[in-house]
């Protein structure tokens, strides 16, 4: 994956993403790049993210409000997401690693990453819903 030649904008995006601890929207990434003196258009940011995603270097997670968050592919991400307040709680366990291996073997499908997300109500919203 890393052997591919990247454009300057793709390299700049990868550098910013490497320095972040959390996922970021394309718009926030655009602002972050400008903050670091890397002027590029928002459309260029989207195009570069799309290429990096197809190369398996960047993963995208779509929130319930439709916003997409991007990060480097480091590890599988799993969350409990509240449909009311939007809180997203990371979970550490991964119940699907063996399934991923089976799918890879059975379909000769190169899997870069997977996400697992459960939707419902967090404890705070459940309690507010009852009152």
Protein backbone atom coordinates (compact mmCIF):
# COMPACT_ATOMS: atom_id res chain seq x y z
CA UNK A 1 0.00 0.00 0.00
CA UNK A 2 2.70 2.52 0.93
CA UNK A 3 4.65 1.91 -2.28
CA UNK A 4 2.24 4.01 -4.35
CA UNK A 5 3.35 7.47 -5.44
CA UNK A 6 1.24 10.18 -3.85
CA UNK A 7 0.59 13.75 -4.88
CA UNK A 8 1.79 16.56 -2.64
CA UNK A 9 -1.77 17.15 -1.40
CA UNK A 10 -2.19 13.47 -0.52
CA UNK A 11 1.13 13.50 1.37
CA UNK A 12 0.08 16.64 3.26
CA UNK A 13 -3.24 15.05 4.23
CA UNK A 14 -1.50 11.87 5.41
CA UNK A 15 0.91 13.97 7.50
CA UNK A 16 -1.94 15.83 9.22
CA UNK A 17 -3.91 12.64 9.83
CA UNK A 18 -0.82 11.00 11.38
CA UNK A 19 -0.69 13.80 13.94
CA UNK A 20 -4.32 13.46 15.01
CA UNK A 21 -5.64 11.23 17.76
CA UNK A 22 -9.19 11.18 16.43
CA UNK A 23 -11.14 11.12 13.20
CA UNK A 24 -11.78 14.41 11.41
CA UNK A 25 -14.27 15.69 8.86
CA UNK A 26 -13.06 16.79 5.43
CA UNK A 27 -14.06 20.38 6.27
CA UNK A 28 -12.09 20.33 9.53
CA UNK A 29 -9.16 18.73 7.72
CA UNK A 30 -9.30 21.57 5.18
CA UNK A 31 -9.14 24.11 8.04
CA UNK A 32 -6.32 22.17 9.71
CA UNK A 33 -4.31 22.13 6.47
CA UNK A 34 -4.74 25.88 6.06
CA UNK A 35 -3.69 26.35 9.70
CA UNK A 36 -0.45 24.50 8.85
CA UNK A 37 0.13 26.73 5.81
CA UNK A 38 -0.92 24.06 3.33
CA UNK A 39 -3.32 25.91 1.07
CA UNK A 40 -5.48 23.63 -1.05
CA UNK A 41 -9.11 23.77 -2.05
CA UNK A 42 -11.82 21.80 -0.32
CA UNK A 43 -12.50 19.88 -3.55
CA UNK A 44 -8.84 18.83 -3.63
CA UNK A 45 -9.13 17.60 -0.03
CA UNK A 46 -12.16 15.46 -0.97
CA UNK A 47 -10.45 14.07 -4.10
CA UNK A 48 -7.27 13.23 -2.18
CA UNK A 49 -9.24 11.55 0.61
CA UNK A 50 -11.11 9.45 -1.95
CA UNK A 51 -7.86 8.25 -3.55
CA UNK A 52 -6.33 7.48 -0.15
CA UNK A 53 -9.49 5.61 0.86
CA UNK A 54 -9.36 3.45 -2.28
CA UNK A 55 -5.69 2.69 -1.56
CA UNK A 56 -6.64 1.45 1.91
CA UNK A 57 -4.68 4.16 3.73
CA UNK A 58 -7.63 6.21 5.01
CA UNK A 59 -10.87 4.96 6.49
CA UNK A 60 -14.17 6.79 6.64
CA UNK A 61 -16.92 6.55 9.23
CA UNK A 62 -20.32 8.11 8.56
CA UNK A 63 -22.17 9.49 11.58
CA UNK A 64 -25.95 9.43 12.05
CA UNK A 65 -26.14 13.08 10.91
CA UNK A 66 -24.50 12.12 7.59
CA UNK A 67 -21.11 13.66 8.39
CA UNK A 68 -18.12 11.59 7.30
CA UNK A 69 -15.06 11.35 9.54
CA UNK A 70 -11.67 10.33 8.18
CA UNK A 71 -8.65 8.77 9.86
CA UNK A 72 -5.65 6.68 8.99
CA UNK A 73 -6.30 2.96 8.86
CA UNK A 74 -4.71 1.86 12.12
CA UNK A 75 -7.11 -0.50 13.72
CA UNK A 76 -10.70 -1.54 13.42
CA UNK A 77 -13.11 0.89 14.99
CA UNK A 78 -16.23 -0.13 16.90
CA UNK A 79 -18.78 2.17 18.52
CA UNK A 80 -22.04 2.44 20.39
CA UNK A 81 -23.81 5.48 18.96
CA UNK A 82 -26.75 7.22 20.60
CA UNK A 83 -29.46 8.13 18.11
CA UNK A 84 -30.74 10.96 20.30
CA UNK A 85 -27.68 12.93 21.46
CA UNK A 86 -25.15 11.56 18.97
CA UNK A 87 -22.69 10.40 21.62
CA UNK A 88 -20.30 7.80 20.25
CA UNK A 89 -18.71 5.39 22.72
CA UNK A 90 -15.76 3.34 21.43
CA UNK A 91 -15.82 -0.37 22.29
CA UNK A 92 -12.62 -2.37 22.46
CA UNK A 93 -13.80 -5.90 21.75
CA UNK A 94 -14.01 -7.11 18.16
CA UNK A 95 -16.40 -10.00 17.60
CA UNK A 96 -15.87 -10.14 13.83
CA UNK A 97 -12.12 -10.68 13.28
CA UNK A 98 -12.61 -14.38 12.51
CA UNK A 99 -15.48 -13.55 10.13
CA UNK A 100 -13.18 -11.07 8.37
CA UNK A 101 -10.57 -13.82 7.91
CA UNK A 102 -13.20 -16.24 6.59
CA UNK A 103 -14.51 -13.67 4.08
CA UNK A 104 -10.99 -12.86 2.96
CA UNK A 105 -10.28 -16.54 2.25
CA UNK A 106 -13.68 -17.46 0.79
CA UNK A 107 -14.01 -14.53 -1.59
CA UNK A 108 -10.36 -13.61 -2.21
CA UNK A 109 -11.38 -10.13 -1.06
CA UNK A 110 -8.64 -7.85 0.26
CA UNK A 111 -10.11 -6.24 3.37
CA UNK A 112 -8.42 -3.02 4.49
CA UNK A 113 -10.52 -2.45 7.60
CA UNK A 114 -13.99 -2.89 9.01
CA UNK A 115 -16.27 -0.92 11.27
CA UNK A 116 -18.94 -2.13 13.62
CA UNK A 117 -21.51 0.25 15.00
CA UNK A 118 -24.51 -0.30 17.24
CA UNK A 119 -27.26 2.33 17.37
CA UNK A 120 -29.60 2.99 20.29
CA UNK A 121 -29.96 5.27 23.30
CA UNK A 122 -27.22 6.01 25.82
CA UNK A 123 -28.03 5.80 29.54
CA UNK A 124 -28.48 9.58 29.89
CA UNK A 125 -30.93 9.73 26.98
CA UNK A 126 -32.81 6.66 28.26
CA UNK A 127 -33.25 8.35 31.64
CA UNK A 128 -34.35 11.63 30.01
CA UNK A 129 -36.79 9.68 27.81
CA UNK A 130 -38.48 8.16 30.88
CA UNK A 131 -39.12 11.49 32.59
